[in-house]
Amino acid sequence: MAREHGMSELRQALQDYLAVRRALGFKLARADQRLSGFIGYLEQAGARTVTTELALAWSCQPPGGHPAWWRQRLILVRGFAKYLHTLDPATEVPPARLLPSRHCRATPYLYSEADIAGLMTAARALASPLRAATYETLIGLLAVAGLRVGEAIRLDRSDVDFDNALVTILASKFGKSREIPLHPAAIDALAGYARRRDQLFPRPGAASFFISTTGTPLIYNCVHSVFLGLVRDAGLQPRSAACRPRLHDLRHTFAVRTLLDWYSAGIDVQARLPQLSTYLGHFDPASTYWYLSAAPELLAIAAARLEHTLGSLP
């Protein structure tokens, strides 16, 4: 008879599973919380292992949610269930196409310079002087350097080299590290924040470059919540149901603007794209090619170049 897992064993198995995945380079920033919630759901149902029925019921929450969201939740459960099945054959692994739904990327919200200025102005108006300085600088850095949000909030003080105008990203997605050169104006802004931060909170409890009002590292969920408030205060509106202002879209905007600048300068974009891929920390240039379809301006340029090429053929 297959050994059944008690709930404590399931939770230990979850921690072991997450440790293995992170050792392979996956960050899994919110997988811990979501899968812990799934185990809590199993506990409430009185189940002692994963079943397809319960996995499906949990994944299809909240009622009326987007099918793509439900599918992502089920994919998360399937990964854990496959791992658990190696320990307990009684574990059911939900079929891969139980919730078929074509994955659709969100339409990037490409920020204008005025949009970014509005967000930074809204940040500057936050009640806490430390929070105001932190979020104004964080948004500015995301806009000019194209960092992932997680990369920015994980920066330690030693990762910012003011003398050489470099930011070092250590062990980011897929375990990759890289150095990010910054414009002198950007490094001056970071230096100004560092001085202000140290005046307002001279003895923080962490070595993080960006800190909260309690001197601790920033937490993504809190950053996301504050950002939504800044979006509201800046008066930014969704452009469609699939195109809403997101933190990650500051990175999209950086990539698209870089490509547009290269096209405008007559630079061979295809030859330079691997450099942008390295700068952004992509696993391979194929991930960077997606940005070519992220803006109407880029599509128009690509179409014009294609037409010119076809027109020159004999």
C-alpha atoms as a PDB file:
ATOM      1  CA  MET A   1       0.000   0.000   0.000  1.00  0.00           C
ATOM      2  CA  ALA A   2       1.297   3.426  -0.891  1.00  0.00           C
ATOM      3  CA  ARG A   3       2.452   5.556   2.025  1.00  0.00           C
ATOM      4  CA  GLU A   4       0.105   8.472   2.684  1.00  0.00           C
ATOM      5  CA  HIS A   5       1.406  11.902   3.544  1.00  0.00           C
ATOM      6  CA  GLY A   6       0.121  13.772   6.553  1.00  0.00           C
ATOM      7  CA  MET A   7      -0.210  17.516   6.194  1.00  0.00           C
ATOM      8  CA  SER A   8       3.096  18.169   7.949  1.00  0.00           C
ATOM      9  CA  GLU A   9       4.754  15.832   5.457  1.00  0.00           C
ATOM     10  CA  LEU A  10       3.119  17.650   2.574  1.00  0.00           C
ATOM     11  CA  ARG A  11       4.412  20.962   3.816  1.00  0.00           C
ATOM     12  CA  GLN A  12       7.904  19.547   4.238  1.00  0.00           C
ATOM     13  CA  ALA A  13       7.684  18.093   0.733  1.00  0.00           C
ATOM     14  CA  LEU A  14       6.705  21.530  -0.543  1.00  0.00           C
ATOM     15  CA  GLN A  15       9.760  23.145   1.040  1.00  0.00           C
ATOM     16  CA  ASP A  16      11.989  20.425  -0.422  1.00  0.00           C
ATOM     17  CA  TYR A  17      10.397  20.893  -3.852  1.00  0.00           C
ATOM     18  CA  LEU A  18      10.887  24.663  -3.777  1.00  0.00           C
ATOM     19  CA  ALA A  19      14.497  24.245  -2.639  1.00  0.00           C
ATOM     20  CA  VAL A  20      15.226  21.946  -5.579  1.00  0.00           C
ATOM     21  CA  ARG A  21      13.600  24.310  -8.066  1.00  0.00           C
ATOM     22  CA  ARG A  22      15.472  27.318  -6.701  1.00  0.00           C
ATOM     23  CA  ALA A  23      18.742  25.405  -6.843  1.00  0.00           C
ATOM     24  CA  LEU A  24      18.055  24.994 -10.566  1.00  0.00           C
ATOM     25  CA  GLY A  25      17.803  28.770 -10.947  1.00  0.00           C
ATOM     26  CA  PHE A  26      14.048  29.348 -10.679  1.00  0.00           C
ATOM     27  CA  LYS A  27      13.148  32.283  -8.411  1.00  0.00           C
ATOM     28  CA  LEU A  28       9.555  31.205  -7.675  1.00  0.00           C
ATOM     29  CA  ALA A  29       8.865  34.484  -5.928  1.00  0.00           C
ATOM     30  CA  ARG A  30       5.197  33.741  -5.212  1.00  0.00           C
ATOM     31  CA  ALA A  31       5.040  29.944  -5.658  1.00  0.00           C
ATOM     32  CA  ASP A  32       5.665  29.372  -1.941  1.00  0.00           C
ATOM     33  CA  GLN A  33       2.618  31.392  -0.910  1.00  0.00           C
ATOM     34  CA  ARG A  34       0.324  29.974  -3.585  1.00  0.00           C
ATOM     35  CA  LEU A  35       1.254  26.326  -3.072  1.00  0.00           C
ATOM     36  CA  SER A  36       1.031  26.786   0.676  1.00  0.00           C
ATOM     37  CA  GLY A  37      -2.503  28.030   0.064  1.00  0.00           C
ATOM     38  CA  PHE A  38      -3.191  24.899  -1.986  1.00  0.00           C
ATOM     39  CA  ILE A  39      -2.017  22.682   0.867  1.00  0.00           C
ATOM     40  CA  GLY A  40      -4.281  24.656   3.192  1.00  0.00           C
ATOM     41  CA  TYR A  41      -7.121  23.895   0.772  1.00  0.00           C
ATOM     42  CA  LEU A  42      -6.290  20.177   0.986  1.00  0.00           C
ATOM     43  CA  GLU A  43      -6.295  20.436   4.777  1.00  0.00           C
ATOM     44  CA  GLN A  44      -9.767  21.985   4.805  1.00  0.00           C
ATOM     45  CA  ALA A  45     -11.008  19.214   2.496  1.00  0.00           C
ATOM     46  CA  GLY A  46      -9.553  16.542   4.786  1.00  0.00           C
ATOM     47  CA  ALA A  47      -7.394  15.177   1.971  1.00  0.00           C
ATOM     48  CA  ARG A  48      -4.066  13.505   2.656  1.00  0.00           C
ATOM     49  CA  THR A  49      -2.555  13.844  -0.797  1.00  0.00           C
ATOM     50  CA  VAL A  50      -3.115  15.632  -4.113  1.00  0.00           C
ATOM     51  CA  THR A  51      -6.073  14.528  -6.219  1.00  0.00           C
ATOM     52  CA  THR A  52      -7.028  15.773  -9.647  1.00  0.00           C
ATOM     53  CA  GLU A  53     -10.475  16.767  -8.400  1.00  0.00           C
ATOM     54  CA  LEU A  54      -9.135  18.966  -5.610  1.00  0.00           C
ATOM     55  CA  ALA A  55      -6.356  20.407  -7.770  1.00  0.00           C
ATOM     56  CA  LEU A  56      -8.943  21.452 -10.353  1.00  0.00           C
ATOM     57  CA  ALA A  57     -11.317  22.886  -7.741  1.00  0.00           C
ATOM     58  CA  TRP A  58      -8.539  24.958  -6.152  1.00  0.00           C
ATOM     59  CA  SER A  59      -7.167  26.136  -9.481  1.00  0.00           C
ATOM     60  CA  CYS A  60     -10.554  27.431 -10.646  1.00  0.00           C
ATOM     61  CA  GLN A  61     -10.619  30.127  -8.011  1.00  0.00           C
ATOM     62  CA  PRO A  62     -11.835  32.749  -7.758  1.00  0.00           C
ATOM     63  CA  PRO A  63     -15.140  31.913  -9.451  1.00  0.00           C
ATOM     64  CA  GLY A  64     -15.481  34.050 -12.542  1.00  0.00           C
ATOM     65  CA  GLY A  65     -11.704  34.445 -12.805  1.00  0.00           C
ATOM     66  CA  HIS A  66      -9.838  34.511 -16.085  1.00  0.00           C
ATOM     67  CA  PRO A  67      -9.259  31.024 -17.583  1.00  0.00           C
ATOM     68  CA  ALA A  68      -5.603  31.884 -18.174  1.00  0.00           C
ATOM     69  CA  TRP A  69      -5.204  32.612 -14.445  1.00  0.00           C
ATOM     70  CA  TRP A  70      -6.867  29.287 -13.562  1.00  0.00           C
ATOM     71  CA  ARG A  71      -4.524  27.485 -15.929  1.00  0.00           C
ATOM     72  CA  GLN A  72      -1.453  29.090 -14.392  1.00  0.00           C
ATOM     73  CA  ARG A  73      -2.568  27.951 -10.951  1.00  0.00           C
ATOM     74  CA  LEU A  74      -3.058  24.402 -12.227  1.00  0.00           C
ATOM     75  CA  ILE A  75       0.377  24.415 -13.884  1.00  0.00           C
ATOM     76  CA  LEU A  76       1.863  25.360 -10.508  1.00  0.00           C
ATOM     77  CA  VAL A  77       0.049  22.470  -8.800  1.00  0.00           C
ATOM     78  CA  ARG A  78       1.052  20.005 -11.542  1.00  0.00           C
ATOM     79  CA  GLY A  79       4.734  20.746 -11.007  1.00  0.00           C
ATOM     80  CA  PHE A  80       4.440  20.062  -7.294  1.00  0.00           C
ATOM     81  CA  ALA A  81       2.250  16.993  -7.870  1.00  0.00           C
ATOM     82  CA  LYS A  82       4.785  15.471 -10.279  1.00  0.00           C
ATOM     83  CA  TYR A  83       7.497  15.897  -7.653  1.00  0.00           C
ATOM     84  CA  LEU A  84       5.246  14.470  -4.924  1.00  0.00           C
ATOM     85  CA  HIS A  85       4.329  11.478  -7.112  1.00  0.00           C
ATOM     86  CA  THR A  86       7.962  10.334  -7.001  1.00  0.00           C
ATOM     87  CA  LEU A  87       7.626  10.100  -3.210  1.00  0.00           C
ATOM     88  CA  ASP A  88       4.068   8.794  -3.048  1.00  0.00           C
ATOM     89  CA  PRO A  89       2.592   6.936  -6.060  1.00  0.00           C
ATOM     90  CA  ALA A  90      -0.894   7.626  -4.660  1.00  0.00           C
ATOM     91  CA  THR A  91      -0.492  11.274  -5.642  1.00  0.00           C
ATOM     92  CA  GLU A  92      -2.554  12.143  -8.700  1.00  0.00           C
ATOM     93  CA  VAL A  93      -0.956  14.382 -11.319  1.00  0.00           C
ATOM     94  CA  PRO A  94      -3.638  16.468 -13.110  1.00  0.00           C
ATOM     95  CA  PRO A  95      -3.592  16.020 -16.910  1.00  0.00           C
ATOM     96  CA  ALA A  96      -1.674  18.717 -18.769  1.00  0.00           C
ATOM     97  CA  ARG A  97      -4.664  19.845 -20.853  1.00  0.00           C
ATOM     98  CA  LEU A  98      -7.283  19.685 -18.125  1.00  0.00           C
ATOM     99  CA  LEU A  99      -7.771  23.449 -18.466  1.00  0.00           C
ATOM    100  CA  PRO A 100      -6.848  24.199 -22.087  1.00  0.00           C
ATOM    101  CA  SER A 101      -6.301  27.859 -22.633  1.00  0.00           C
ATOM    102  CA  ARG A 102      -3.978  29.504 -25.098  1.00  0.00           C
ATOM    103  CA  HIS A 103      -1.496  31.578 -23.149  1.00  0.00           C
ATOM    104  CA  CYS A 104      -1.783  35.218 -24.105  1.00  0.00           C
ATOM    105  CA  ARG A 105       0.788  37.741 -23.017  1.00  0.00           C
ATOM    106  CA  ALA A 106      -0.537  40.899 -21.488  1.00  0.00           C
ATOM    107  CA  THR A 107      -0.306  43.808 -23.901  1.00  0.00           C
ATOM    108  CA  PRO A 108       2.624  45.936 -22.684  1.00  0.00           C
ATOM    109  CA  TYR A 109       1.687  49.331 -21.324  1.00  0.00           C
ATOM    110  CA  LEU A 110       4.400  51.455 -22.911  1.00  0.00           C
ATOM    111  CA  TYR A 111       4.958  54.483 -20.712  1.00  0.00           C
ATOM    112  CA  SER A 112       5.615  57.892 -22.188  1.00  0.00           C
ATOM    113  CA  GLU A 113       8.181  60.184 -20.591  1.00  0.00           C
ATOM    114  CA  ALA A 114       5.256  62.141 -19.153  1.00  0.00           C
ATOM    115  CA  ASP A 115       3.800  58.946 -17.641  1.00  0.00           C
ATOM    116  CA  ILE A 116       7.081  58.125 -15.914  1.00  0.00           C
ATOM    117  CA  ALA A 117       7.458  61.695 -14.692  1.00  0.00           C
ATOM    118  CA  GLY A 118       3.905  61.505 -13.333  1.00  0.00           C
ATOM    119  CA  LEU A 119       4.650  58.297 -11.425  1.00  0.00           C
ATOM    120  CA  MET A 120       7.810  59.792  -9.923  1.00  0.00           C
ATOM    121  CA  THR A 121       5.946  62.960  -8.962  1.00  0.00           C
ATOM    122  CA  ALA A 122       3.262  60.859  -7.275  1.00  0.00           C
ATOM    123  CA  ALA A 123       5.984  58.935  -5.416  1.00  0.00           C
ATOM    124  CA  ARG A 124       7.564  62.174  -4.256  1.00  0.00           C
ATOM    125  CA  ALA A 125       4.233  63.112  -2.658  1.00  0.00           C
ATOM    126  CA  LEU A 126       4.050  59.999  -0.444  1.00  0.00           C
ATOM    127  CA  ALA A 127       3.610  60.892   3.227  1.00  0.00           C
ATOM    128  CA  SER A 128       6.760  59.205   4.518  1.00  0.00           C
ATOM    129  CA  PRO A 129       9.941  60.996   3.363  1.00  0.00           C
ATOM    130  CA  LEU A 130      11.830  57.679   3.234  1.00  0.00           C
ATOM    131  CA  ARG A 131       9.097  55.922   1.286  1.00  0.00           C
ATOM    132  CA  ALA A 132       8.860  58.900  -1.075  1.00  0.00           C
ATOM    133  CA  ALA A 133      12.591  58.842  -1.777  1.00  0.00           C
ATOM    134  CA  THR A 134      12.631  55.064  -2.133  1.00  0.00           C
ATOM    135  CA  TYR A 135       9.805  54.800  -4.640  1.00  0.00           C
ATOM    136  CA  GLU A 136      10.801  57.821  -6.690  1.00  0.00           C
ATOM    137  CA  THR A 137      14.300  56.374  -7.107  1.00  0.00           C
ATOM    138  CA  LEU A 138      13.107  52.806  -7.639  1.00  0.00           C
ATOM    139  CA  ILE A 139      10.747  53.819 -10.437  1.00  0.00           C
ATOM    140  CA  GLY A 140      13.447  55.940 -12.030  1.00  0.00           C
ATOM    141  CA  LEU A 141      15.928  53.056 -11.947  1.00  0.00           C
ATOM    142  CA  LEU A 142      13.444  50.605 -13.462  1.00  0.00           C
ATOM    143  CA  ALA A 143      12.691  53.078 -16.242  1.00  0.00           C
ATOM    144  CA  VAL A 144      16.290  53.839 -17.222  1.00  0.00           C
ATOM    145  CA  ALA A 145      17.913  50.447 -16.647  1.00  0.00           C
ATOM    146  CA  GLY A 146      15.228  47.915 -17.605  1.00  0.00           C
ATOM    147  CA  LEU A 147      15.776  45.818 -14.490  1.00  0.00           C
ATOM    148  CA  ARG A 148      13.283  43.241 -13.340  1.00  0.00           C
ATOM    149  CA  VAL A 149      11.472  44.469 -10.241  1.00  0.00           C
ATOM    150  CA  GLY A 150      12.831  41.576  -8.200  1.00  0.00           C
ATOM    151  CA  GLU A 151      16.383  42.414  -9.269  1.00  0.00           C
ATOM    152  CA  ALA A 152      16.031  46.008  -8.147  1.00  0.00           C
ATOM    153  CA  ILE A 153      14.579  45.276  -4.715  1.00  0.00           C
ATOM    154  CA  ARG A 154      17.208  42.565  -4.068  1.00  0.00           C
ATOM    155  CA  LEU A 155      20.107  44.969  -4.626  1.00  0.00           C
ATOM    156  CA  ASP A 156      22.499  45.277  -1.714  1.00  0.00           C
ATOM    157  CA  ARG A 157      24.531  48.413  -1.078  1.00  0.00           C
ATOM    158  CA  SER A 158      27.675  46.658  -2.265  1.00  0.00           C
ATOM    159  CA  ASP A 159      25.979  45.940  -5.624  1.00  0.00           C
ATOM    160  CA  VAL A 160      25.979  49.638  -6.551  1.00  0.00           C
ATOM    161  CA  ASP A 161      29.405  50.878  -7.693  1.00  0.00           C
ATOM    162  CA  PHE A 162      29.217  54.666  -7.722  1.00  0.00           C
ATOM    163  CA  ASP A 163      32.823  55.130  -8.864  1.00  0.00           C
ATOM    164  CA  ASN A 164      32.410  53.017 -12.003  1.00  0.00           C
ATOM    165  CA  ALA A 165      28.692  53.744 -12.570  1.00  0.00           C
ATOM    166  CA  LEU A 166      27.792  50.059 -12.432  1.00  0.00           C
ATOM    167  CA  VAL A 167      25.037  48.010 -10.835  1.00  0.00           C
ATOM    168  CA  THR A 168      25.735  44.301 -10.338  1.00  0.00           C
ATOM    169  CA  ILE A 169      22.843  41.860 -10.570  1.00  0.00           C
ATOM    170  CA  LEU A 170      23.761  38.648  -8.777  1.00  0.00           C
ATOM    171  CA  ALA A 171      22.179  35.242  -9.426  1.00  0.00           C
ATOM    172  CA  SER A 172      19.031  36.541 -11.094  1.00  0.00           C
ATOM    173  CA  LYS A 173      16.655  34.497 -13.234  1.00  0.00           C
ATOM    174  CA  PHE A 174      18.164  31.124 -14.237  1.00  0.00           C
ATOM    175  CA  GLY A 175      21.075  31.885 -11.912  1.00  0.00           C
ATOM    176  CA  LYS A 176      22.602  34.451 -14.272  1.00  0.00           C
ATOM    177  CA  SER A 177      24.598  37.457 -13.036  1.00  0.00           C
ATOM    178  CA  ARG A 178      25.476  40.580 -14.991  1.00  0.00           C
ATOM    179  CA  GLU A 179      26.792  44.122 -14.692  1.00  0.00           C
ATOM    180  CA  ILE A 180      24.589  47.045 -15.721  1.00  0.00           C
ATOM    181  CA  PRO A 181      26.367  50.271 -16.768  1.00  0.00           C
ATOM    182  CA  LEU A 182      24.355  53.377 -15.921  1.00  0.00           C
ATOM    183  CA  HIS A 183      24.280  56.910 -17.282  1.00  0.00           C
ATOM    184  CA  PRO A 184      26.031  59.427 -14.964  1.00  0.00           C
ATOM    185  CA  ALA A 185      22.677  61.095 -14.241  1.00  0.00           C
ATOM    186  CA  ALA A 186      21.242  57.765 -13.105  1.00  0.00           C
ATOM    187  CA  ILE A 187      24.178  56.975 -10.835  1.00  0.00           C
ATOM    188  CA  ASP A 188      23.948  60.500  -9.383  1.00  0.00           C
ATOM    189  CA  ALA A 189      20.279  59.861  -8.582  1.00  0.00           C
ATOM    190  CA  LEU A 190      21.176  56.608  -6.824  1.00  0.00           C
ATOM    191  CA  ALA A 191      23.897  58.369  -4.852  1.00  0.00           C
ATOM    192  CA  GLY A 192      21.437  61.081  -3.842  1.00  0.00           C
ATOM    193  CA  TYR A 193      18.983  58.447  -2.658  1.00  0.00           C
ATOM    194  CA  ALA A 194      21.705  56.673  -0.675  1.00  0.00           C
ATOM    195  CA  ARG A 195      22.547  59.892   1.159  1.00  0.00           C
ATOM    196  CA  ARG A 196      18.898  60.648   1.880  1.00  0.00           C
ATOM    197  CA  ARG A 197      18.235  57.063   2.983  1.00  0.00           C
ATOM    198  CA  ASP A 198      21.144  57.146   5.426  1.00  0.00           C
ATOM    199  CA  GLN A 199      20.008  60.487   6.859  1.00  0.00           C
ATOM    200  CA  LEU A 200      16.472  59.218   7.433  1.00  0.00           C
ATOM    201  CA  PHE A 201      17.416  55.723   8.633  1.00  0.00           C
ATOM    202  CA  PRO A 202      21.115  55.585   9.595  1.00  0.00           C
ATOM    203  CA  ARG A 203      21.013  52.083  11.125  1.00  0.00           C
ATOM    204  CA  PRO A 204      18.772  49.804   9.020  1.00  0.00           C
ATOM    205  CA  GLY A 205      18.370  46.146   9.809  1.00  0.00           C
ATOM    206  CA  ALA A 206      19.532  44.989   6.372  1.00  0.00           C
ATOM    207  CA  ALA A 207      22.217  45.739   3.790  1.00  0.00           C
ATOM    208  CA  SER A 208      19.583  46.320   1.113  1.00  0.00           C
ATOM    209  CA  PHE A 209      20.054  49.324  -1.146  1.00  0.00           C
ATOM    210  CA  PHE A 210      16.332  50.116  -1.184  1.00  0.00           C
ATOM    211  CA  ILE A 211      14.718  49.872   2.239  1.00  0.00           C
ATOM    212  CA  SER A 212      11.248  50.097   3.715  1.00  0.00           C
ATOM    213  CA  THR A 213      10.189  52.584   6.365  1.00  0.00           C
ATOM    214  CA  THR A 214      11.226  50.018   8.995  1.00  0.00           C
ATOM    215  CA  GLY A 215      14.716  49.563   7.534  1.00  0.00           C
ATOM    216  CA  THR A 216      13.992  46.132   6.041  1.00  0.00           C
ATOM    217  CA  PRO A 217      14.248  44.973   2.403  1.00  0.00           C
ATOM    218  CA  LEU A 218      11.316  45.812   0.160  1.00  0.00           C
ATOM    219  CA  ILE A 219       8.755  43.052  -0.412  1.00  0.00           C
ATOM    220  CA  TYR A 220       7.340  42.605  -3.904  1.00  0.00           C
ATOM    221  CA  ASN A 221       3.701  42.484  -2.823  1.00  0.00           C
ATOM    222  CA  CYS A 222       4.100  45.755  -0.931  1.00  0.00           C
ATOM    223  CA  VAL A 223       5.909  47.379  -3.851  1.00  0.00           C
ATOM    224  CA  HIS A 224       3.135  46.271  -6.182  1.00  0.00           C
ATOM    225  CA  SER A 225       0.475  47.668  -3.860  1.00  0.00           C
ATOM    226  CA  VAL A 226       2.226  51.039  -3.555  1.00  0.00           C
ATOM    227  CA  PHE A 227       2.727  51.166  -7.321  1.00  0.00           C
ATOM    228  CA  LEU A 228      -1.000  50.702  -7.965  1.00  0.00           C
ATOM    229  CA  GLY A 229      -1.628  53.692  -5.718  1.00  0.00           C
ATOM    230  CA  LEU A 230       0.932  55.744  -7.655  1.00  0.00           C
ATOM    231  CA  VAL A 231      -0.725  54.763 -10.931  1.00  0.00           C
ATOM    232  CA  ARG A 232      -4.017  56.044  -9.562  1.00  0.00           C
ATOM    233  CA  ASP A 233      -2.483  59.244  -8.222  1.00  0.00           C
ATOM    234  CA  ALA A 234      -0.698  59.885 -11.526  1.00  0.00           C
ATOM    235  CA  GLY A 235      -4.004  59.498 -13.392  1.00  0.00           C
ATOM    236  CA  LEU A 236      -2.832  56.655 -15.625  1.00  0.00           C
ATOM    237  CA  GLN A 237      -5.690  54.676 -17.166  1.00  0.00           C
ATOM    238  CA  PRO A 238      -5.853  51.218 -18.773  1.00  0.00           C
ATOM    239  CA  ARG A 239      -5.725  51.358 -22.558  1.00  0.00           C
ATOM    240  CA  SER A 240      -7.741  48.144 -22.837  1.00  0.00           C
ATOM    241  CA  ALA A 241      -8.738  45.170 -20.703  1.00  0.00           C
ATOM    242  CA  ALA A 242      -5.397  43.541 -21.590  1.00  0.00           C
ATOM    243  CA  CYS A 243      -3.261  46.682 -21.394  1.00  0.00           C
ATOM    244  CA  ARG A 244      -3.005  48.071 -17.890  1.00  0.00           C
ATOM    245  CA  PRO A 245      -0.122  49.907 -16.199  1.00  0.00           C
ATOM    246  CA  ARG A 246       2.147  47.300 -14.622  1.00  0.00           C
ATOM    247  CA  LEU A 247       5.471  47.561 -12.842  1.00  0.00           C
ATOM    248  CA  HIS A 248       7.050  45.122 -15.290  1.00  0.00           C
ATOM    249  CA  ASP A 249       6.040  47.352 -18.189  1.00  0.00           C
ATOM    250  CA  LEU A 250       8.747  49.827 -17.196  1.00  0.00           C
ATOM    251  CA  ARG A 251      11.155  47.114 -18.364  1.00  0.00           C
ATOM    252  CA  HIS A 252       9.144  46.632 -21.574  1.00  0.00           C
ATOM    253  CA  THR A 253       9.248  50.362 -22.181  1.00  0.00           C
ATOM    254  CA  PHE A 254      13.030  50.463 -21.726  1.00  0.00           C
ATOM    255  CA  ALA A 255      13.529  47.650 -24.239  1.00  0.00           C
ATOM    256  CA  VAL A 256      11.184  49.128 -26.838  1.00  0.00           C
ATOM    257  CA  ARG A 257      12.670  52.628 -26.531  1.00  0.00           C
ATOM    258  CA  THR A 258      16.167  51.185 -26.928  1.00  0.00           C
ATOM    259  CA  LEU A 259      15.152  49.426 -30.139  1.00  0.00           C
ATOM    260  CA  LEU A 260      13.433  52.543 -31.477  1.00  0.00           C
ATOM    261  CA  ASP A 261      16.517  54.641 -30.731  1.00  0.00           C
ATOM    262  CA  TRP A 262      18.699  52.133 -32.567  1.00  0.00           C
ATOM    263  CA  TYR A 263      16.427  52.144 -35.589  1.00  0.00           C
ATOM    264  CA  SER A 264      16.362  55.953 -35.605  1.00  0.00           C
ATOM    265  CA  ALA A 265      20.169  56.061 -35.478  1.00  0.00           C
ATOM    266  CA  GLY A 266      20.455  53.631 -38.381  1.00  0.00           C
ATOM    267  CA  ILE A 267      22.081  50.958 -36.212  1.00  0.00           C
ATOM    268  CA  ASP A 268      21.950  47.317 -37.343  1.00  0.00           C
ATOM    269  CA  VAL A 269      19.402  46.139 -34.781  1.00  0.00           C
ATOM    270  CA  GLN A 270      19.743  42.466 -35.634  1.00  0.00           C
ATOM    271  CA  ALA A 271      23.486  42.618 -34.939  1.00  0.00           C
ATOM    272  CA  ARG A 272      23.003  44.526 -31.672  1.00  0.00           C
ATOM    273  CA  LEU A 273      20.074  42.526 -30.328  1.00  0.00           C
ATOM    274  CA  PRO A 274      22.278  39.955 -28.520  1.00  0.00           C
ATOM    275  CA  GLN A 275      23.819  42.864 -26.584  1.00  0.00           C
ATOM    276  CA  LEU A 276      20.387  44.017 -25.459  1.00  0.00           C
ATOM    277  CA  SER A 277      19.538  40.428 -24.555  1.00  0.00           C
ATOM    278  CA  THR A 278      22.626  40.226 -22.339  1.00  0.00           C
ATOM    279  CA  TYR A 279      21.883  43.614 -20.771  1.00  0.00           C
ATOM    280  CA  LEU A 280      18.333  42.538 -19.919  1.00  0.00           C
ATOM    281  CA  GLY A 281      19.490  39.193 -18.555  1.00  0.00           C
ATOM    282  CA  HIS A 282      17.463  37.108 -20.996  1.00  0.00           C
ATOM    283  CA  PHE A 283      18.222  33.409 -21.243  1.00  0.00           C
ATOM    284  CA  ASP A 284      18.644  33.717 -25.007  1.00  0.00           C
ATOM    285  CA  PRO A 285      18.051  36.392 -27.696  1.00  0.00           C
ATOM    286  CA  ALA A 286      14.762  34.734 -28.690  1.00  0.00           C
ATOM    287  CA  SER A 287      13.193  36.210 -25.555  1.00  0.00           C
ATOM    288  CA  THR A 288      14.321  39.677 -26.648  1.00  0.00           C
ATOM    289  CA  TYR A 289      12.889  39.305 -30.159  1.00  0.00           C
ATOM    290  CA  TRP A 290       9.395  39.445 -28.662  1.00  0.00           C
ATOM    291  CA  TYR A 291       9.871  43.158 -28.017  1.00  0.00           C
ATOM    292  CA  LEU A 292       9.909  43.708 -31.785  1.00  0.00           C
ATOM    293  CA  SER A 293       6.154  43.052 -31.773  1.00  0.00           C
ATOM    294  CA  ALA A 294       5.472  44.977 -28.570  1.00  0.00           C
ATOM    295  CA  ALA A 295       4.943  48.409 -30.138  1.00  0.00           C
ATOM    296  CA  PRO A 296       3.189  49.609 -33.298  1.00  0.00           C
ATOM    297  CA  GLU A 297       6.211  51.803 -34.125  1.00  0.00           C
ATOM    298  CA  LEU A 298       8.504  48.763 -34.170  1.00  0.00           C
ATOM    299  CA  LEU A 299       6.082  46.766 -36.292  1.00  0.00           C
ATOM    300  CA  ALA A 300       5.842  49.645 -38.754  1.00  0.00           C
ATOM    301  CA  ILE A 301       9.631  49.907 -39.019  1.00  0.00           C
ATOM    302  CA  ALA A 302       9.976  46.155 -39.477  1.00  0.00           C
ATOM    303  CA  ALA A 303       7.272  46.156 -42.191  1.00  0.00           C
ATOM    304  CA  ALA A 304       8.925  49.060 -44.008  1.00  0.00           C
ATOM    305  CA  ARG A 305      12.295  47.317 -43.964  1.00  0.00           C
ATOM    306  CA  LEU A 306      10.738  44.096 -45.213  1.00  0.00           C
ATOM    307  CA  GLU A 307       9.008  45.971 -48.036  1.00  0.00           C
ATOM    308  CA  HIS A 308      12.280  47.656 -48.959  1.00  0.00           C
ATOM    309  CA  THR A 309      14.087  44.314 -48.978  1.00  0.00           C
ATOM    310  CA  LEU A 310      11.454  42.622 -51.097  1.00  0.00           C
ATOM    311  CA  GLY A 311      11.362  45.581 -53.469  1.00  0.00           C
ATOM    312  CA  SER A 312      15.113  45.331 -54.080  1.00  0.00           C
ATOM    313  CA  LEU A 313      14.978  41.655 -55.041  1.00  0.00           C
ATOM    314  CA  PRO A 314      15.365  40.864 -58.761  1.00  0.00           C
END
